[in-house]
Amino acid sequence: MRGLNKVTLIGNLGKDPELQTLEGNINVAKFSLATTETFKDTKGQTHTTTEWHSVVVWRNMADLAAKYLKKGSMIYLEGKIKTRSFEDKMGEKRYVTEIIGDSFIMLDKPEELHP
């Protein structure tokens, strides 16, 4: 049986996308995405929790993200979870879990995109 690695998120950008151009003229954009859930406990009190996700998009999606998205933009994102490791400056092995975006849809109203 094959596995499935699929993530679907709706949230708001925590910062403007950071665009980089790598060797071979390949663009990559990175940004944080906040997803917020609200629920009521057994006493009827409302609680809100926010989860932060590190998102990476490549090539044309990176260009679109850098051009049209900004801090606070609301998007629908589809992608997959990827964990990578690296050595920090002290030689310690560190792990980073990111969402690799396959597609996104901008959910802001047109007047919110171009005030």
N, C-alpha and C. Protein backbone atom coordinates (compact mmCIF):
# COMPACT_ATOMS: atom_id res chain seq x y z
N MET A 1 0.84 -1.18 0.00
CA MET A 1 0.00 0.00 0.00
C MET A 1 0.88 1.24 0.00
N ARG A 2 0.51 2.22 -0.81
CA ARG A 2 1.25 3.47 -0.88
C ARG A 2 0.81 4.40 0.23
N GLY A 3 1.72 5.27 0.64
CA GLY A 3 1.40 6.25 1.67
C GLY A 3 0.84 7.52 1.06
N LEU A 4 0.37 8.41 1.91
CA LEU A 4 -0.16 9.69 1.47
C LEU A 4 0.38 10.78 2.38
N ASN A 5 0.98 11.79 1.80
CA ASN A 5 1.51 12.93 2.54
C ASN A 5 0.84 14.16 1.96
N LYS A 6 -0.28 14.58 2.54
CA LYS A 6 -1.05 15.71 2.01
C LYS A 6 -1.49 16.59 3.16
N VAL A 7 -1.29 17.89 2.99
CA VAL A 7 -1.67 18.88 3.98
C VAL A 7 -2.57 19.91 3.32
N THR A 8 -3.65 20.28 4.00
CA THR A 8 -4.54 21.34 3.54
C THR A 8 -4.69 22.33 4.69
N LEU A 9 -4.36 23.59 4.44
CA LEU A 9 -4.42 24.62 5.47
C LEU A 9 -5.13 25.86 4.94
N ILE A 10 -5.85 26.53 5.82
CA ILE A 10 -6.38 27.87 5.54
C ILE A 10 -5.88 28.74 6.69
N GLY A 11 -5.17 29.81 6.34
CA GLY A 11 -4.63 30.66 7.39
C GLY A 11 -4.13 31.98 6.85
N ASN A 12 -3.49 32.72 7.75
CA ASN A 12 -2.97 34.05 7.43
C ASN A 12 -1.45 34.06 7.53
N LEU A 13 -0.81 34.76 6.59
CA LEU A 13 0.64 34.89 6.60
C LEU A 13 1.08 35.69 7.82
N GLY A 14 2.13 35.20 8.48
CA GLY A 14 2.67 35.89 9.64
C GLY A 14 3.70 36.94 9.27
N LYS A 15 4.20 36.86 8.04
CA LYS A 15 5.17 37.85 7.55
C LYS A 15 5.15 37.82 6.04
N ASP A 16 5.73 38.83 5.42
CA ASP A 16 5.85 38.85 3.97
C ASP A 16 6.73 37.70 3.51
N PRO A 17 6.42 37.11 2.35
CA PRO A 17 7.28 36.04 1.83
C PRO A 17 8.70 36.54 1.58
N GLU A 18 9.68 35.70 1.88
CA GLU A 18 11.08 36.01 1.62
C GLU A 18 11.49 35.23 0.37
N LEU A 19 11.80 35.95 -0.69
CA LEU A 19 12.15 35.33 -1.97
C LEU A 19 13.66 35.23 -2.11
N GLN A 20 14.14 34.05 -2.52
CA GLN A 20 15.56 33.83 -2.80
C GLN A 20 15.68 33.21 -4.18
N THR A 21 16.78 33.52 -4.85
CA THR A 21 17.09 32.87 -6.11
C THR A 21 18.31 31.99 -5.91
N LEU A 22 18.12 30.70 -6.16
CA LEU A 22 19.19 29.72 -5.96
C LEU A 22 19.96 29.49 -7.25
N GLU A 23 21.01 28.69 -7.14
CA GLU A 23 21.81 28.33 -8.31
C GLU A 23 20.89 27.73 -9.38
N GLY A 24 21.12 28.09 -10.62
CA GLY A 24 20.27 27.63 -11.71
C GLY A 24 19.06 28.52 -11.92
N ASN A 25 19.07 29.69 -11.26
CA ASN A 25 17.99 30.66 -11.39
C ASN A 25 16.64 30.11 -10.93
N ILE A 26 16.66 29.30 -9.86
CA ILE A 26 15.45 28.71 -9.30
C ILE A 26 15.02 29.55 -8.09
N ASN A 27 13.78 30.03 -8.13
CA ASN A 27 13.25 30.85 -7.04
C ASN A 27 12.57 30.00 -5.98
N VAL A 28 12.75 30.41 -4.74
CA VAL A 28 12.09 29.79 -3.59
C VAL A 28 11.62 30.90 -2.67
N ALA A 29 10.40 30.76 -2.16
CA ALA A 29 9.86 31.74 -1.21
C ALA A 29 9.49 31.01 0.08
N LYS A 30 9.76 31.66 1.19
CA LYS A 30 9.45 31.10 2.51
C LYS A 30 8.61 32.10 3.28
N PHE A 31 7.61 31.56 4.00
CA PHE A 31 6.78 32.42 4.86
C PHE A 31 6.15 31.57 5.95
N SER A 32 5.68 32.24 6.99
CA SER A 32 4.98 31.54 8.06
C SER A 32 3.48 31.70 7.84
N LEU A 33 2.73 30.67 8.23
CA LEU A 33 1.29 30.67 8.07
C LEU A 33 0.66 30.29 9.40
N ALA A 34 -0.27 31.11 9.87
CA ALA A 34 -0.96 30.86 11.13
C ALA A 34 -2.34 30.28 10.86
N THR A 35 -2.64 29.15 11.51
CA THR A 35 -3.99 28.60 11.47
C THR A 35 -4.56 28.71 12.88
N THR A 36 -5.80 29.17 12.98
CA THR A 36 -6.40 29.43 14.27
C THR A 36 -7.68 28.62 14.42
N GLU A 37 -7.82 27.98 15.56
CA GLU A 37 -9.02 27.22 15.89
C GLU A 37 -9.66 27.82 17.13
N THR A 38 -10.98 27.88 17.11
CA THR A 38 -11.73 28.37 18.26
C THR A 38 -12.69 27.27 18.70
N PHE A 39 -12.77 27.05 20.00
CA PHE A 39 -13.67 26.03 20.53
C PHE A 39 -14.19 26.47 21.89
N LYS A 40 -15.30 25.85 22.30
CA LYS A 40 -15.88 26.12 23.62
C LYS A 40 -15.64 24.91 24.50
N ASP A 41 -15.26 25.17 25.75
CA ASP A 41 -15.06 24.08 26.70
C ASP A 41 -16.40 23.69 27.32
N THR A 42 -16.36 22.76 28.24
CA THR A 42 -17.59 22.25 28.85
C THR A 42 -18.33 23.32 29.66
N LYS A 43 -17.65 24.39 30.05
CA LYS A 43 -18.27 25.48 30.80
C LYS A 43 -18.78 26.58 29.88
N GLY A 44 -18.60 26.39 28.56
CA GLY A 44 -19.09 27.38 27.60
C GLY A 44 -18.12 28.51 27.32
N GLN A 45 -16.92 28.43 27.88
CA GLN A 45 -15.93 29.48 27.63
C GLN A 45 -15.24 29.22 26.30
N THR A 46 -15.03 30.30 25.55
CA THR A 46 -14.39 30.21 24.24
C THR A 46 -12.88 30.26 24.39
N HIS A 47 -12.21 29.35 23.68
CA HIS A 47 -10.75 29.30 23.68
C HIS A 47 -10.27 29.35 22.24
N THR A 48 -9.15 30.01 22.02
CA THR A 48 -8.56 30.11 20.69
C THR A 48 -7.12 29.62 20.76
N THR A 49 -6.76 28.77 19.80
CA THR A 49 -5.37 28.31 19.70
C THR A 49 -4.86 28.59 18.29
N THR A 50 -3.62 29.01 18.21
CA THR A 50 -3.00 29.30 16.92
C THR A 50 -1.79 28.41 16.74
N GLU A 51 -1.71 27.79 15.58
CA GLU A 51 -0.58 26.94 15.21
C GLU A 51 0.18 27.65 14.09
N TRP A 52 1.52 27.70 14.20
CA TRP A 52 2.34 28.34 13.17
C TRP A 52 3.02 27.30 12.32
N HIS A 53 2.98 27.49 11.01
CA HIS A 53 3.57 26.57 10.05
C HIS A 53 4.61 27.30 9.20
N SER A 54 5.74 26.65 8.96
CA SER A 54 6.75 27.18 8.04
C SER A 54 6.44 26.64 6.66
N VAL A 55 6.25 27.53 5.69
CA VAL A 55 5.86 27.14 4.34
C VAL A 55 6.96 27.50 3.36
N VAL A 56 7.20 26.58 2.41
CA VAL A 56 8.18 26.80 1.34
C VAL A 56 7.48 26.53 0.01
N VAL A 57 7.59 27.48 -0.92
CA VAL A 57 7.05 27.29 -2.27
C VAL A 57 8.17 27.56 -3.27
N TRP A 58 8.10 26.86 -4.41
CA TRP A 58 9.17 26.89 -5.39
C TRP A 58 8.72 27.46 -6.73
N ARG A 59 9.69 27.93 -7.49
CA ARG A 59 9.57 28.35 -8.89
C ARG A 59 8.44 29.36 -9.11
N ASN A 60 7.48 29.06 -9.99
CA ASN A 60 6.42 30.02 -10.31
C ASN A 60 5.58 30.39 -9.09
N MET A 61 5.33 29.39 -8.23
CA MET A 61 4.58 29.69 -7.01
C MET A 61 5.34 30.67 -6.12
N ALA A 62 6.64 30.55 -6.09
CA ALA A 62 7.46 31.48 -5.30
C ALA A 62 7.32 32.90 -5.86
N ASP A 63 7.33 33.02 -7.18
CA ASP A 63 7.17 34.34 -7.81
C ASP A 63 5.81 34.93 -7.48
N LEU A 64 4.76 34.11 -7.57
CA LEU A 64 3.40 34.58 -7.26
C LEU A 64 3.27 34.99 -5.80
N ALA A 65 3.84 34.19 -4.92
CA ALA A 65 3.79 34.50 -3.49
C ALA A 65 4.47 35.83 -3.20
N ALA A 66 5.66 36.03 -3.77
CA ALA A 66 6.40 37.28 -3.53
C ALA A 66 5.67 38.48 -4.10
N LYS A 67 4.97 38.29 -5.22
CA LYS A 67 4.29 39.40 -5.88
C LYS A 67 2.96 39.77 -5.21
N TYR A 68 2.18 38.76 -4.80
CA TYR A 68 0.81 39.02 -4.36
C TYR A 68 0.52 38.83 -2.88
N LEU A 69 1.35 38.09 -2.17
CA LEU A 69 1.08 37.84 -0.76
C LEU A 69 1.86 38.79 0.12
N LYS A 70 1.26 39.08 1.27
CA LYS A 70 1.92 39.94 2.25
C LYS A 70 1.47 39.52 3.64
N LYS A 71 2.10 40.06 4.65
CA LYS A 71 1.73 39.75 6.02
C LYS A 71 0.23 39.98 6.19
N GLY A 72 -0.46 38.99 6.75
CA GLY A 72 -1.90 39.09 6.97
C GLY A 72 -2.75 38.49 5.86
N SER A 73 -2.17 38.26 4.67
CA SER A 73 -2.94 37.66 3.57
C SER A 73 -3.52 36.31 4.00
N MET A 74 -4.78 36.06 3.63
CA MET A 74 -5.40 34.78 3.91
C MET A 74 -5.31 33.91 2.66
N ILE A 75 -4.83 32.67 2.85
CA ILE A 75 -4.72 31.75 1.72
C ILE A 75 -5.22 30.35 2.09
N TYR A 76 -5.60 29.62 1.05
CA TYR A 76 -5.86 28.19 1.13
C TYR A 76 -4.62 27.54 0.52
N LEU A 77 -4.00 26.62 1.24
CA LEU A 77 -2.74 26.02 0.80
C LEU A 77 -2.84 24.50 0.80
N GLU A 78 -2.34 23.89 -0.26
CA GLU A 78 -2.20 22.44 -0.31
C GLU A 78 -0.73 22.12 -0.49
N GLY A 79 -0.28 21.07 0.17
CA GLY A 79 1.11 20.68 0.06
C GLY A 79 1.39 19.40 0.80
N LYS A 80 2.66 19.24 1.22
CA LYS A 80 3.06 18.05 1.95
C LYS A 80 4.03 18.45 3.06
N ILE A 81 4.14 17.59 4.06
CA ILE A 81 5.04 17.83 5.19
C ILE A 81 6.40 17.24 4.85
N LYS A 82 7.44 18.01 5.16
CA LYS A 82 8.81 17.53 4.91
C LYS A 82 9.66 17.94 6.11
N THR A 83 10.43 16.99 6.62
CA THR A 83 11.37 17.28 7.71
C THR A 83 12.78 17.11 7.18
N ARG A 84 13.61 18.10 7.45
CA ARG A 84 15.01 18.03 7.02
C ARG A 84 15.90 18.30 8.22
N SER A 85 17.14 17.89 8.12
CA SER A 85 18.08 18.10 9.21
C SER A 85 19.28 18.91 8.70
N PHE A 86 19.92 19.58 9.64
CA PHE A 86 21.11 20.35 9.33
C PHE A 86 21.95 20.48 10.60
N GLU A 87 23.20 20.89 10.45
CA GLU A 87 24.05 21.14 11.61
C GLU A 87 24.10 22.64 11.86
N ASP A 88 23.87 23.03 13.12
CA ASP A 88 23.93 24.45 13.45
C ASP A 88 25.39 24.89 13.62
N LYS A 89 25.59 26.14 14.00
CA LYS A 89 26.94 26.70 14.11
C LYS A 89 27.78 26.00 15.17
N MET A 90 27.11 25.37 16.14
CA MET A 90 27.80 24.66 17.21
C MET A 90 28.03 23.19 16.87
N GLY A 91 27.64 22.77 15.66
CA GLY A 91 27.83 21.39 15.25
C GLY A 91 26.71 20.45 15.70
N GLU A 92 25.65 21.02 16.30
CA GLU A 92 24.52 20.21 16.77
C GLU A 92 23.58 19.92 15.60
N LYS A 93 23.06 18.70 15.56
CA LYS A 93 22.11 18.33 14.52
C LYS A 93 20.74 18.89 14.89
N ARG A 94 20.14 19.62 13.97
CA ARG A 94 18.82 20.24 14.18
C ARG A 94 17.86 19.73 13.12
N TYR A 95 16.58 19.75 13.45
CA TYR A 95 15.54 19.32 12.53
C TYR A 95 14.54 20.44 12.32
N VAL A 96 14.07 20.57 11.08
CA VAL A 96 13.07 21.57 10.72
C VAL A 96 11.96 20.86 9.97
N THR A 97 10.72 21.08 10.39
CA THR A 97 9.57 20.54 9.69
C THR A 97 8.89 21.68 8.95
N GLU A 98 8.70 21.49 7.64
CA GLU A 98 8.12 22.54 6.79
C GLU A 98 6.97 21.97 5.98
N ILE A 99 6.13 22.86 5.51
CA ILE A 99 5.09 22.51 4.55
C ILE A 99 5.61 22.94 3.18
N ILE A 100 5.74 21.98 2.27
CA ILE A 100 6.15 22.28 0.89
C ILE A 100 4.86 22.49 0.11
N GLY A 101 4.62 23.74 -0.28
CA GLY A 101 3.37 24.07 -0.96
C GLY A 101 3.33 23.59 -2.40
N ASP A 102 2.23 22.92 -2.76
CA ASP A 102 2.00 22.50 -4.14
C ASP A 102 1.13 23.52 -4.87
N SER A 103 0.19 24.13 -4.14
CA SER A 103 -0.69 25.14 -4.72
C SER A 103 -1.28 25.99 -3.61
N PHE A 104 -1.65 27.21 -3.96
CA PHE A 104 -2.38 28.06 -3.01
C PHE A 104 -3.39 28.90 -3.75
N ILE A 105 -4.42 29.29 -3.02
CA ILE A 105 -5.46 30.18 -3.54
C ILE A 105 -5.56 31.36 -2.59
N MET A 106 -5.51 32.55 -3.13
CA MET A 106 -5.63 33.76 -2.32
C MET A 106 -7.10 33.95 -1.95
N LEU A 107 -7.39 34.13 -0.68
CA LEU A 107 -8.77 34.24 -0.20
C LEU A 107 -9.17 35.66 0.18
N ASP A 108 -8.25 36.60 0.09
CA ASP A 108 -8.58 37.99 0.41
C ASP A 108 -9.52 38.55 -0.65
N LYS A 109 -10.36 39.48 -0.24
CA LYS A 109 -11.22 40.18 -1.19
C LYS A 109 -10.34 41.07 -2.06
N PRO A 110 -10.74 41.33 -3.31
CA PRO A 110 -9.90 42.14 -4.21
C PRO A 110 -9.49 43.49 -3.62
N GLU A 111 -10.40 44.18 -2.91
CA GLU A 111 -10.02 45.49 -2.37
C GLU A 111 -9.01 45.35 -1.25
N GLU A 112 -8.92 44.16 -0.61
CA GLU A 112 -7.91 43.95 0.42
C GLU A 112 -6.54 43.72 -0.21
N LEU A 113 -6.52 43.24 -1.45
CA LEU A 113 -5.25 43.00 -2.13
C LEU A 113 -4.61 44.29 -2.60
N HIS A 114 -5.43 45.24 -3.05
CA HIS A 114 -4.92 46.49 -3.62
C HIS A 114 -5.66 47.67 -2.98
N PRO A 115 -5.24 48.05 -1.77
CA PRO A 115 -5.94 49.17 -1.10
C PRO A 115 -5.74 50.49 -1.80
